[in-house]
Amino acid sequence: MSDRTERFQTPGPARLHVELPRGRVRVIAGADGETLVELTAIHGDTTARELIARAQVELRGDEVVVLVERTRFQVFGLGGGIEAVVTVPPLSTARVSTGSGEIETQGALGDVRAHTGSGAIRLAAVGEATARTGSGAIVVDKATGSVDAKTGSGKIAIGQAGGDAQVTTGSGEIVLGRVAGKADVTTGSGRVEVDEAGDGLKAFSASGAISVRRADHGKVLARTISGRVAVGVAEGAAAYLDISTMSGRVHSELETCGPPADGEKAVELRIETMSGNVDITRAA
């Protein structure tokens, strides 16, 4: 049971702004016409309950604001963990931040900006997505717009992006499903897996493998120092190859042919590796 509950009439999609010094935030796309805010002291401690009582929870125009102050006790890790569960109308936008803790969304929302100092971020169905965490995984199931995701250490997985994708992790793997626009992905030490390249893909991994299951148009630039690179070129698509490796093996299943005819799909592959093998295959 929550320690504080507030209800606001929001007849259309709302704008949500949540700030917690420590704790979990869950934003749920619920029924039209109302926004429900529930705040709970995670461990039931006095500090958290006092912070909840003093929190700013109010409706400012069409913006629902949930602001919890930061105290010196929390700096030293002495209590104050709060869970905020906010149910908003579908397609509401959200700007959410917490000093440390998880952030999660459920249902169909509009644009979402999520930031946590340390903790995982999971976004279900959103418009444009911006996600930042100092250490923790980031998952975006589906975005109708662009995705901008960055973590200091942790895996990043993007199921679908309707626009561009900018994805960076200091140490962790990157998994992309389908990106309609251009994708720029970087990991310091982790593998990169791309299901379907879109208009353009730039992928870099210092020490991990890079795999692109299917590419049928646009440009693919893959760079790795010591990892393997594998790209599948769609049947019926011509390919321009520019491959450079110092000590790796290069294998290609593609047949030699002339320039593509007018209207024929073509993909440009530029692959650079220091000591990794390169494999180019045909994909369905």
C-alpha atoms as a PDB file:
ATOM      1  CA  MET A   1       0.000   0.000   0.000  1.00  0.00           C
ATOM      2  CA  SER A   2       1.337   3.420  -0.958  1.00  0.00           C
ATOM      3  CA  ASP A   3       2.289   6.088   1.596  1.00  0.00           C
ATOM      4  CA  ARG A   4       0.820   8.867  -0.572  1.00  0.00           C
ATOM      5  CA  THR A   5      -1.664   8.882  -3.440  1.00  0.00           C
ATOM      6  CA  GLU A   6      -2.642  11.834  -5.630  1.00  0.00           C
ATOM      7  CA  ARG A   7      -5.134  11.970  -8.525  1.00  0.00           C
ATOM      8  CA  PHE A   8      -5.352  14.609 -11.244  1.00  0.00           C
ATOM      9  CA  GLN A   9      -7.802  15.116 -14.083  1.00  0.00           C
ATOM     10  CA  THR A  10      -5.819  15.010 -17.347  1.00  0.00           C
ATOM     11  CA  PRO A  11      -8.298  14.707 -20.229  1.00  0.00           C
ATOM     12  CA  GLY A  12      -5.629  14.311 -22.931  1.00  0.00           C
ATOM     13  CA  PRO A  13      -2.046  13.026 -22.978  1.00  0.00           C
ATOM     14  CA  ALA A  14      -0.209  14.563 -20.040  1.00  0.00           C
ATOM     15  CA  ARG A  15       3.351  15.760 -19.581  1.00  0.00           C
ATOM     16  CA  LEU A  16       5.033  14.015 -16.680  1.00  0.00           C
ATOM     17  CA  HIS A  17       8.110  15.208 -14.784  1.00  0.00           C
ATOM     18  CA  VAL A  18       9.491  12.984 -12.001  1.00  0.00           C
ATOM     19  CA  GLU A  19      12.653  13.491  -9.947  1.00  0.00           C
ATOM     20  CA  LEU A  20      13.701  11.125  -7.163  1.00  0.00           C
ATOM     21  CA  PRO A  21      17.015  11.214  -5.295  1.00  0.00           C
ATOM     22  CA  ARG A  22      16.890   7.430  -4.894  1.00  0.00           C
ATOM     23  CA  GLY A  23      14.431   4.769  -5.855  1.00  0.00           C
ATOM     24  CA  ARG A  24      12.383   3.157  -8.587  1.00  0.00           C
ATOM     25  CA  VAL A  25      10.085   4.845 -11.101  1.00  0.00           C
ATOM     26  CA  ARG A  26       7.391   3.067 -13.086  1.00  0.00           C
ATOM     27  CA  VAL A  27       5.279   4.949 -15.629  1.00  0.00           C
ATOM     28  CA  ILE A  28       2.185   3.160 -16.902  1.00  0.00           C
ATOM     29  CA  ALA A  29      -0.033   4.141 -19.821  1.00  0.00           C
ATOM     30  CA  GLY A  30      -3.509   3.593 -18.392  1.00  0.00           C
ATOM     31  CA  ALA A  31      -7.011   4.914 -18.942  1.00  0.00           C
ATOM     32  CA  ASP A  32      -7.808   8.293 -20.501  1.00  0.00           C
ATOM     33  CA  GLY A  33      -8.738  11.263 -18.372  1.00  0.00           C
ATOM     34  CA  GLU A  34      -6.735  10.735 -15.193  1.00  0.00           C
ATOM     35  CA  THR A  35      -3.213  10.641 -13.813  1.00  0.00           C
ATOM     36  CA  LEU A  36      -2.582   8.652 -10.644  1.00  0.00           C
ATOM     37  CA  VAL A  37       0.591   9.144  -8.580  1.00  0.00           C
ATOM     38  CA  GLU A  38       1.508   6.590  -5.898  1.00  0.00           C
ATOM     39  CA  LEU A  39       4.580   7.075  -3.703  1.00  0.00           C
ATOM     40  CA  THR A  40       5.849   4.332  -1.393  1.00  0.00           C
ATOM     41  CA  ALA A  41       8.771   4.110   1.014  1.00  0.00           C
ATOM     42  CA  ILE A  42      10.586   1.038  -0.312  1.00  0.00           C
ATOM     43  CA  HIS A  43      11.933  -0.064   3.062  1.00  0.00           C
ATOM     44  CA  GLY A  44       9.359   1.741   5.175  1.00  0.00           C
ATOM     45  CA  ASP A  45      11.990   3.977   6.771  1.00  0.00           C
ATOM     46  CA  THR A  46      11.171   7.287   8.413  1.00  0.00           C
ATOM     47  CA  THR A  47      13.417   9.310   6.090  1.00  0.00           C
ATOM     48  CA  ALA A  48      11.604   8.100   2.991  1.00  0.00           C
ATOM     49  CA  ARG A  49       8.170   8.706   4.512  1.00  0.00           C
ATOM     50  CA  GLU A  50       9.108  12.249   5.507  1.00  0.00           C
ATOM     51  CA  LEU A  51      10.399  12.931   2.005  1.00  0.00           C
ATOM     52  CA  ILE A  52       7.153  11.622   0.531  1.00  0.00           C
ATOM     53  CA  ALA A  53       5.107  13.862   2.811  1.00  0.00           C
ATOM     54  CA  ARG A  54       7.118  16.940   1.749  1.00  0.00           C
ATOM     55  CA  ALA A  55       7.315  16.067  -1.960  1.00  0.00           C
ATOM     56  CA  GLN A  56       5.860  18.416  -4.558  1.00  0.00           C
ATOM     57  CA  VAL A  57       3.120  16.477  -6.292  1.00  0.00           C
ATOM     58  CA  GLU A  58       0.942  18.792  -8.346  1.00  0.00           C
ATOM     59  CA  LEU A  59      -0.637  19.592 -11.691  1.00  0.00           C
ATOM     60  CA  ARG A  60       0.824  22.612 -13.468  1.00  0.00           C
ATOM     61  CA  GLY A  61      -1.271  23.209 -16.571  1.00  0.00           C
ATOM     62  CA  ASP A  62      -1.030  19.902 -18.429  1.00  0.00           C
ATOM     63  CA  GLU A  63       2.174  18.888 -16.612  1.00  0.00           C
ATOM     64  CA  VAL A  64       2.124  16.546 -13.628  1.00  0.00           C
ATOM     65  CA  VAL A  65       5.143  17.218 -11.423  1.00  0.00           C
ATOM     66  CA  VAL A  66       6.573  14.832  -8.826  1.00  0.00           C
ATOM     67  CA  LEU A  67       9.644  16.298  -7.151  1.00  0.00           C
ATOM     68  CA  VAL A  68      11.303  14.744  -4.095  1.00  0.00           C
ATOM     69  CA  GLU A  69      14.068  16.714  -2.405  1.00  0.00           C
ATOM     70  CA  ARG A  70      17.555  15.330  -1.850  1.00  0.00           C
ATOM     71  CA  THR A  71      18.874  15.236   1.719  1.00  0.00           C
ATOM     72  CA  ARG A  72      22.353  14.890   3.139  1.00  0.00           C
ATOM     73  CA  PHE A  73      21.399  11.519   4.617  1.00  0.00           C
ATOM     74  CA  GLN A  74      20.877  10.098   1.145  1.00  0.00           C
ATOM     75  CA  VAL A  75      24.324  11.214   0.054  1.00  0.00           C
ATOM     76  CA  PHE A  76      25.733   8.784   2.636  1.00  0.00           C
ATOM     77  CA  GLY A  77      23.231   6.045   1.795  1.00  0.00           C
ATOM     78  CA  LEU A  78      21.096   6.375   4.911  1.00  0.00           C
ATOM     79  CA  GLY A  79      17.588   5.492   3.785  1.00  0.00           C
ATOM     80  CA  GLY A  80      15.233   7.463   1.632  1.00  0.00           C
ATOM     81  CA  GLY A  81      14.488   4.919  -1.083  1.00  0.00           C
ATOM     82  CA  ILE A  82      11.145   5.680  -2.755  1.00  0.00           C
ATOM     83  CA  GLU A  83       9.081   3.907  -5.393  1.00  0.00           C
ATOM     84  CA  ALA A  84       6.992   6.124  -7.656  1.00  0.00           C
ATOM     85  CA  VAL A  85       4.284   4.487  -9.746  1.00  0.00           C
ATOM     86  CA  VAL A  86       2.541   6.934 -12.063  1.00  0.00           C
ATOM     87  CA  THR A  87      -0.366   5.975 -14.303  1.00  0.00           C
ATOM     88  CA  VAL A  88      -0.966   8.451 -17.125  1.00  0.00           C
ATOM     89  CA  PRO A  89      -3.188   8.603 -20.228  1.00  0.00           C
ATOM     90  CA  PRO A  90      -1.812   6.823 -23.316  1.00  0.00           C
ATOM     91  CA  LEU A  91       0.752   8.746 -25.421  1.00  0.00           C
ATOM     92  CA  SER A  92       1.704  10.989 -22.489  1.00  0.00           C
ATOM     93  CA  THR A  93       5.288  12.235 -22.491  1.00  0.00           C
ATOM     94  CA  ALA A  94       7.626  11.637 -19.569  1.00  0.00           C
ATOM     95  CA  ARG A  95      10.821  13.151 -18.200  1.00  0.00           C
ATOM     96  CA  VAL A  96      12.104  10.947 -15.396  1.00  0.00           C
ATOM     97  CA  SER A  97      15.295  10.980 -13.345  1.00  0.00           C
ATOM     98  CA  THR A  98      16.599   9.279 -10.225  1.00  0.00           C
ATOM     99  CA  GLY A  99      19.969   9.429  -8.520  1.00  0.00           C
ATOM    100  CA  SER A 100      20.100   5.643  -8.322  1.00  0.00           C
ATOM    101  CA  GLY A 101      17.416   3.138  -9.148  1.00  0.00           C
ATOM    102  CA  GLU A 102      15.457   1.528 -11.941  1.00  0.00           C
ATOM    103  CA  ILE A 103      13.166   3.225 -14.465  1.00  0.00           C
ATOM    104  CA  GLU A 104      10.486   1.326 -16.351  1.00  0.00           C
ATOM    105  CA  THR A 105       7.556   2.157 -18.618  1.00  0.00           C
ATOM    106  CA  GLN A 106       4.538   0.056 -19.571  1.00  0.00           C
ATOM    107  CA  GLY A 107       2.077   0.607 -22.384  1.00  0.00           C
ATOM    108  CA  ALA A 108       2.184   3.141 -25.208  1.00  0.00           C
ATOM    109  CA  LEU A 109       3.690   6.518 -24.294  1.00  0.00           C
ATOM    110  CA  GLY A 110       4.941   9.518 -26.252  1.00  0.00           C
ATOM    111  CA  ASP A 111       8.497  10.842 -26.046  1.00  0.00           C
ATOM    112  CA  VAL A 112      10.398   9.638 -22.970  1.00  0.00           C
ATOM    113  CA  ARG A 113      13.609  10.969 -21.402  1.00  0.00           C
ATOM    114  CA  ALA A 114      14.995   8.747 -18.643  1.00  0.00           C
ATOM    115  CA  HIS A 115      18.117   9.282 -16.545  1.00  0.00           C
ATOM    116  CA  THR A 116      19.510   7.365 -13.588  1.00  0.00           C
ATOM    117  CA  GLY A 117      22.900   7.546 -11.940  1.00  0.00           C
ATOM    118  CA  SER A 118      23.008   3.770 -11.573  1.00  0.00           C
ATOM    119  CA  GLY A 119      20.308   1.291 -12.475  1.00  0.00           C
ATOM    120  CA  ALA A 120      18.518  -0.324 -15.376  1.00  0.00           C
ATOM    121  CA  ILE A 121      16.168   1.463 -17.774  1.00  0.00           C
ATOM    122  CA  ARG A 122      13.436  -0.397 -19.651  1.00  0.00           C
ATOM    123  CA  LEU A 123      11.106   1.425 -22.038  1.00  0.00           C
ATOM    124  CA  ALA A 124       8.223  -0.455 -23.644  1.00  0.00           C
ATOM    125  CA  ALA A 125       6.482   1.445 -26.478  1.00  0.00           C
ATOM    126  CA  VAL A 126       7.473   5.105 -26.809  1.00  0.00           C
ATOM    127  CA  GLY A 127       7.826   7.912 -29.352  1.00  0.00           C
ATOM    128  CA  GLU A 128      11.384   9.204 -29.232  1.00  0.00           C
ATOM    129  CA  ALA A 129      13.562   7.718 -26.492  1.00  0.00           C
ATOM    130  CA  THR A 130      16.496   9.254 -24.647  1.00  0.00           C
ATOM    131  CA  ALA A 131      18.044   7.029 -21.971  1.00  0.00           C
ATOM    132  CA  ARG A 132      21.103   7.597 -19.795  1.00  0.00           C
ATOM    133  CA  THR A 133      22.502   5.506 -16.939  1.00  0.00           C
ATOM    134  CA  GLY A 134      25.911   5.575 -15.298  1.00  0.00           C
ATOM    135  CA  SER A 135      25.899   1.805 -14.873  1.00  0.00           C
ATOM    136  CA  GLY A 136      23.101  -0.507 -15.892  1.00  0.00           C
ATOM    137  CA  ALA A 137      21.331  -2.067 -18.838  1.00  0.00           C
ATOM    138  CA  ILE A 138      19.073  -0.154 -21.239  1.00  0.00           C
ATOM    139  CA  VAL A 139      16.237  -1.829 -23.126  1.00  0.00           C
ATOM    140  CA  VAL A 140      13.914  -0.079 -25.591  1.00  0.00           C
ATOM    141  CA  ASP A 141      11.335  -2.496 -26.945  1.00  0.00           C
ATOM    142  CA  LYS A 142       9.853  -0.190 -29.579  1.00  0.00           C
ATOM    143  CA  ALA A 143      10.254   3.473 -30.492  1.00  0.00           C
ATOM    144  CA  THR A 144       8.298   5.078 -33.310  1.00  0.00           C
ATOM    145  CA  GLY A 145      10.948   7.807 -33.490  1.00  0.00           C
ATOM    146  CA  SER A 146      14.682   8.013 -32.808  1.00  0.00           C
ATOM    147  CA  VAL A 147      16.589   6.411 -29.939  1.00  0.00           C
ATOM    148  CA  ASP A 148      19.536   7.913 -28.055  1.00  0.00           C
ATOM    149  CA  ALA A 149      20.890   5.504 -25.421  1.00  0.00           C
ATOM    150  CA  LYS A 150      24.103   5.620 -23.400  1.00  0.00           C
ATOM    151  CA  THR A 151      25.419   3.671 -20.405  1.00  0.00           C
ATOM    152  CA  GLY A 152      28.803   3.635 -18.746  1.00  0.00           C
ATOM    153  CA  SER A 153      28.681  -0.139 -18.324  1.00  0.00           C
ATOM    154  CA  GLY A 154      25.870  -2.425 -19.337  1.00  0.00           C
ATOM    155  CA  LYS A 155      24.052  -4.046 -22.222  1.00  0.00           C
ATOM    156  CA  ILE A 156      21.882  -1.983 -24.587  1.00  0.00           C
ATOM    157  CA  ALA A 157      19.092  -3.654 -26.557  1.00  0.00           C
ATOM    158  CA  ILE A 158      16.825  -1.837 -29.034  1.00  0.00           C
ATOM    159  CA  GLY A 159      14.008  -3.908 -30.511  1.00  0.00           C
ATOM    160  CA  GLN A 160      12.758  -1.423 -33.095  1.00  0.00           C
ATOM    161  CA  ALA A 161      13.457   2.214 -33.911  1.00  0.00           C
ATOM    162  CA  GLY A 162      11.394   4.131 -36.431  1.00  0.00           C
ATOM    163  CA  GLY A 163      14.083   6.811 -36.810  1.00  0.00           C
ATOM    164  CA  ASP A 164      17.803   7.006 -36.138  1.00  0.00           C
ATOM    165  CA  ALA A 165      19.646   5.282 -33.286  1.00  0.00           C
ATOM    166  CA  GLN A 166      22.655   6.598 -31.359  1.00  0.00           C
ATOM    167  CA  VAL A 167      23.853   3.874 -28.983  1.00  0.00           C
ATOM    168  CA  THR A 168      26.951   3.882 -26.758  1.00  0.00           C
ATOM    169  CA  THR A 169      28.197   1.693 -23.915  1.00  0.00           C
ATOM    170  CA  GLY A 170      31.591   1.784 -22.267  1.00  0.00           C
ATOM    171  CA  SER A 171      31.605  -1.959 -21.630  1.00  0.00           C
ATOM    172  CA  GLY A 172      28.722  -4.136 -22.701  1.00  0.00           C
ATOM    173  CA  GLU A 173      27.084  -5.678 -25.718  1.00  0.00           C
ATOM    174  CA  ILE A 174      24.740  -3.900 -28.111  1.00  0.00           C
ATOM    175  CA  VAL A 175      21.807  -5.661 -29.746  1.00  0.00           C
ATOM    176  CA  LEU A 176      19.681  -3.908 -32.369  1.00  0.00           C
ATOM    177  CA  GLY A 177      16.580  -5.316 -33.999  1.00  0.00           C
ATOM    178  CA  ARG A 178      15.387  -3.101 -36.836  1.00  0.00           C
ATOM    179  CA  VAL A 179      16.448   0.533 -37.246  1.00  0.00           C
ATOM    180  CA  ALA A 180      14.605   2.356 -40.020  1.00  0.00           C
ATOM    181  CA  GLY A 181      17.014   5.302 -40.154  1.00  0.00           C
ATOM    182  CA  LYS A 182      20.732   5.561 -39.502  1.00  0.00           C
ATOM    183  CA  ALA A 183      22.403   3.798 -36.589  1.00  0.00           C
ATOM    184  CA  ASP A 184      25.663   4.755 -34.892  1.00  0.00           C
ATOM    185  CA  VAL A 185      26.742   2.205 -32.254  1.00  0.00           C
ATOM    186  CA  THR A 186      29.902   2.084 -30.142  1.00  0.00           C
ATOM    187  CA  THR A 187      31.106  -0.246 -27.399  1.00  0.00           C
ATOM    188  CA  GLY A 188      34.495  -0.324 -25.777  1.00  0.00           C
ATOM    189  CA  SER A 189      34.454  -4.040 -24.976  1.00  0.00           C
ATOM    190  CA  GLY A 190      31.451  -5.986 -26.122  1.00  0.00           C
ATOM    191  CA  ARG A 191      29.889  -7.548 -29.167  1.00  0.00           C
ATOM    192  CA  VAL A 192      27.505  -5.806 -31.544  1.00  0.00           C
ATOM    193  CA  GLU A 193      24.571  -7.666 -33.084  1.00  0.00           C
ATOM    194  CA  VAL A 194      22.317  -6.001 -35.668  1.00  0.00           C
ATOM    195  CA  ASP A 195      19.320  -7.857 -37.044  1.00  0.00           C
ATOM    196  CA  GLU A 196      18.535  -5.518 -39.955  1.00  0.00           C
ATOM    197  CA  ALA A 197      20.580  -2.499 -40.997  1.00  0.00           C
ATOM    198  CA  GLY A 198      18.596   0.512 -42.170  1.00  0.00           C
ATOM    199  CA  ASP A 199      19.658   3.535 -44.199  1.00  0.00           C
ATOM    200  CA  GLY A 200      23.150   3.499 -42.727  1.00  0.00           C
ATOM    201  CA  LEU A 201      25.073   1.717 -39.978  1.00  0.00           C
ATOM    202  CA  LYS A 202      28.289   2.698 -38.212  1.00  0.00           C
ATOM    203  CA  ALA A 203      29.463   0.111 -35.700  1.00  0.00           C
ATOM    204  CA  PHE A 204      32.634   0.089 -33.601  1.00  0.00           C
ATOM    205  CA  SER A 205      33.863  -2.368 -30.994  1.00  0.00           C
ATOM    206  CA  ALA A 206      37.398  -2.357 -29.690  1.00  0.00           C
ATOM    207  CA  SER A 207      37.466  -6.020 -28.708  1.00  0.00           C
ATOM    208  CA  GLY A 208      34.119  -7.557 -29.606  1.00  0.00           C
ATOM    209  CA  ALA A 209      32.620  -9.174 -32.681  1.00  0.00           C
ATOM    210  CA  ILE A 210      30.276  -7.262 -35.000  1.00  0.00           C
ATOM    211  CA  SER A 211      27.467  -9.150 -36.701  1.00  0.00           C
ATOM    212  CA  VAL A 212      24.906  -7.748 -39.148  1.00  0.00           C
ATOM    213  CA  ARG A 213      22.350 -10.377 -40.103  1.00  0.00           C
ATOM    214  CA  ARG A 214      20.867  -8.536 -43.095  1.00  0.00           C
ATOM    215  CA  ALA A 215      21.684  -5.436 -45.140  1.00  0.00           C
ATOM    216  CA  ASP A 216      19.974  -4.630 -48.424  1.00  0.00           C
ATOM    217  CA  HIS A 217      20.623  -0.910 -48.977  1.00  0.00           C
ATOM    218  CA  GLY A 218      22.547   2.046 -47.609  1.00  0.00           C
ATOM    219  CA  LYS A 219      26.028   1.933 -46.109  1.00  0.00           C
ATOM    220  CA  VAL A 220      27.565  -0.312 -43.463  1.00  0.00           C
ATOM    221  CA  LEU A 221      30.791   0.799 -41.775  1.00  0.00           C
ATOM    222  CA  ALA A 222      32.117  -1.751 -39.283  1.00  0.00           C
ATOM    223  CA  ARG A 223      35.356  -1.239 -37.362  1.00  0.00           C
ATOM    224  CA  THR A 224      36.933  -3.475 -34.745  1.00  0.00           C
ATOM    225  CA  ILE A 225      40.458  -3.988 -33.466  1.00  0.00           C
ATOM    226  CA  SER A 226      40.415  -7.647 -32.477  1.00  0.00           C
ATOM    227  CA  GLY A 227      36.905  -8.883 -33.198  1.00  0.00           C
ATOM    228  CA  ARG A 228      35.302 -10.809 -36.049  1.00  0.00           C
ATOM    229  CA  VAL A 229      33.020  -9.000 -38.512  1.00  0.00           C
ATOM    230  CA  ALA A 230      30.167 -10.798 -40.274  1.00  0.00           C
ATOM    231  CA  VAL A 231      27.660  -9.198 -42.660  1.00  0.00           C
ATOM    232  CA  GLY A 232      24.792 -10.804 -44.545  1.00  0.00           C
ATOM    233  CA  VAL A 233      23.890  -9.111 -47.842  1.00  0.00           C
ATOM    234  CA  ALA A 234      20.282  -9.671 -48.928  1.00  0.00           C
ATOM    235  CA  GLU A 235      19.595 -11.832 -51.978  1.00  0.00           C
ATOM    236  CA  GLY A 236      19.201  -9.670 -55.056  1.00  0.00           C
ATOM    237  CA  ALA A 237      21.190  -6.755 -53.653  1.00  0.00           C
ATOM    238  CA  ALA A 238      24.504  -5.744 -55.181  1.00  0.00           C
ATOM    239  CA  ALA A 239      27.385  -4.922 -52.852  1.00  0.00           C
ATOM    240  CA  TYR A 240      30.388  -2.609 -53.032  1.00  0.00           C
ATOM    241  CA  LEU A 241      33.157  -4.002 -50.818  1.00  0.00           C
ATOM    242  CA  ASP A 242      36.014  -2.113 -49.148  1.00  0.00           C
ATOM    243  CA  ILE A 243      37.648  -4.506 -46.678  1.00  0.00           C
ATOM    244  CA  SER A 244      40.850  -3.916 -44.736  1.00  0.00           C
ATOM    245  CA  THR A 245      42.449  -6.310 -42.226  1.00  0.00           C
ATOM    246  CA  MET A 246      46.067  -6.682 -41.108  1.00  0.00           C
ATOM    247  CA  SER A 247      46.143 -10.290 -39.927  1.00  0.00           C
ATOM    248  CA  GLY A 248      42.621 -11.629 -40.287  1.00  0.00           C
ATOM    249  CA  ARG A 249      41.085 -13.925 -42.897  1.00  0.00           C
ATOM    250  CA  VAL A 250      38.533 -12.619 -45.422  1.00  0.00           C
ATOM    251  CA  HIS A 251      35.784 -14.864 -46.798  1.00  0.00           C
ATOM    252  CA  SER A 252      32.993 -13.806 -49.149  1.00  0.00           C
ATOM    253  CA  GLU A 253      30.119 -15.771 -50.669  1.00  0.00           C
ATOM    254  CA  LEU A 254      29.250 -12.940 -53.054  1.00  0.00           C
ATOM    255  CA  GLU A 255      29.708 -13.467 -56.741  1.00  0.00           C
ATOM    256  CA  THR A 256      31.646 -10.958 -58.839  1.00  0.00           C
ATOM    257  CA  CYS A 257      29.371  -8.835 -60.999  1.00  0.00           C
ATOM    258  CA  GLY A 258      29.122  -5.456 -62.702  1.00  0.00           C
ATOM    259  CA  PRO A 259      27.461  -2.285 -61.420  1.00  0.00           C
ATOM    260  CA  PRO A 260      23.826  -2.592 -60.316  1.00  0.00           C
ATOM    261  CA  ALA A 261      21.122  -1.798 -62.842  1.00  0.00           C
ATOM    262  CA  ASP A 262      18.800   1.153 -62.383  1.00  0.00           C
ATOM    263  CA  GLY A 263      16.392   0.432 -59.559  1.00  0.00           C
ATOM    264  CA  GLU A 264      18.398  -2.521 -58.251  1.00  0.00           C
ATOM    265  CA  LYS A 265      19.172  -2.491 -54.543  1.00  0.00           C
ATOM    266  CA  ALA A 266      22.784  -1.976 -53.546  1.00  0.00           C
ATOM    267  CA  VAL A 267      24.648  -1.826 -50.250  1.00  0.00           C
ATOM    268  CA  GLU A 268      28.082  -0.358 -49.594  1.00  0.00           C
ATOM    269  CA  LEU A 269      30.253  -2.259 -47.108  1.00  0.00           C
ATOM    270  CA  ARG A 270      33.342  -0.759 -45.549  1.00  0.00           C
ATOM    271  CA  ILE A 271      34.983  -3.041 -43.005  1.00  0.00           C
ATOM    272  CA  GLU A 272      38.170  -2.434 -41.033  1.00  0.00           C
ATOM    273  CA  THR A 273      39.755  -4.816 -38.544  1.00  0.00           C
ATOM    274  CA  MET A 274      43.264  -5.258 -37.176  1.00  0.00           C
ATOM    275  CA  SER A 275      43.292  -8.964 -36.324  1.00  0.00           C
ATOM    276  CA  GLY A 276      39.769 -10.234 -36.775  1.00  0.00           C
ATOM    277  CA  ASN A 277      38.299 -12.356 -39.557  1.00  0.00           C
ATOM    278  CA  VAL A 278      35.750 -10.964 -42.003  1.00  0.00           C
ATOM    279  CA  ASP A 279      32.846 -13.023 -43.388  1.00  0.00           C
ATOM    280  CA  ILE A 280      30.430 -11.769 -46.047  1.00  0.00           C
ATOM    281  CA  THR A 281      27.469 -14.049 -46.754  1.00  0.00           C
ATOM    282  CA  ARG A 282      24.095 -13.989 -48.503  1.00  0.00           C
ATOM    283  CA  ALA A 283      21.009 -13.417 -46.368  1.00  0.00           C
ATOM    284  CA  ALA A 284      17.389 -14.202 -47.167  1.00  0.00           C
END
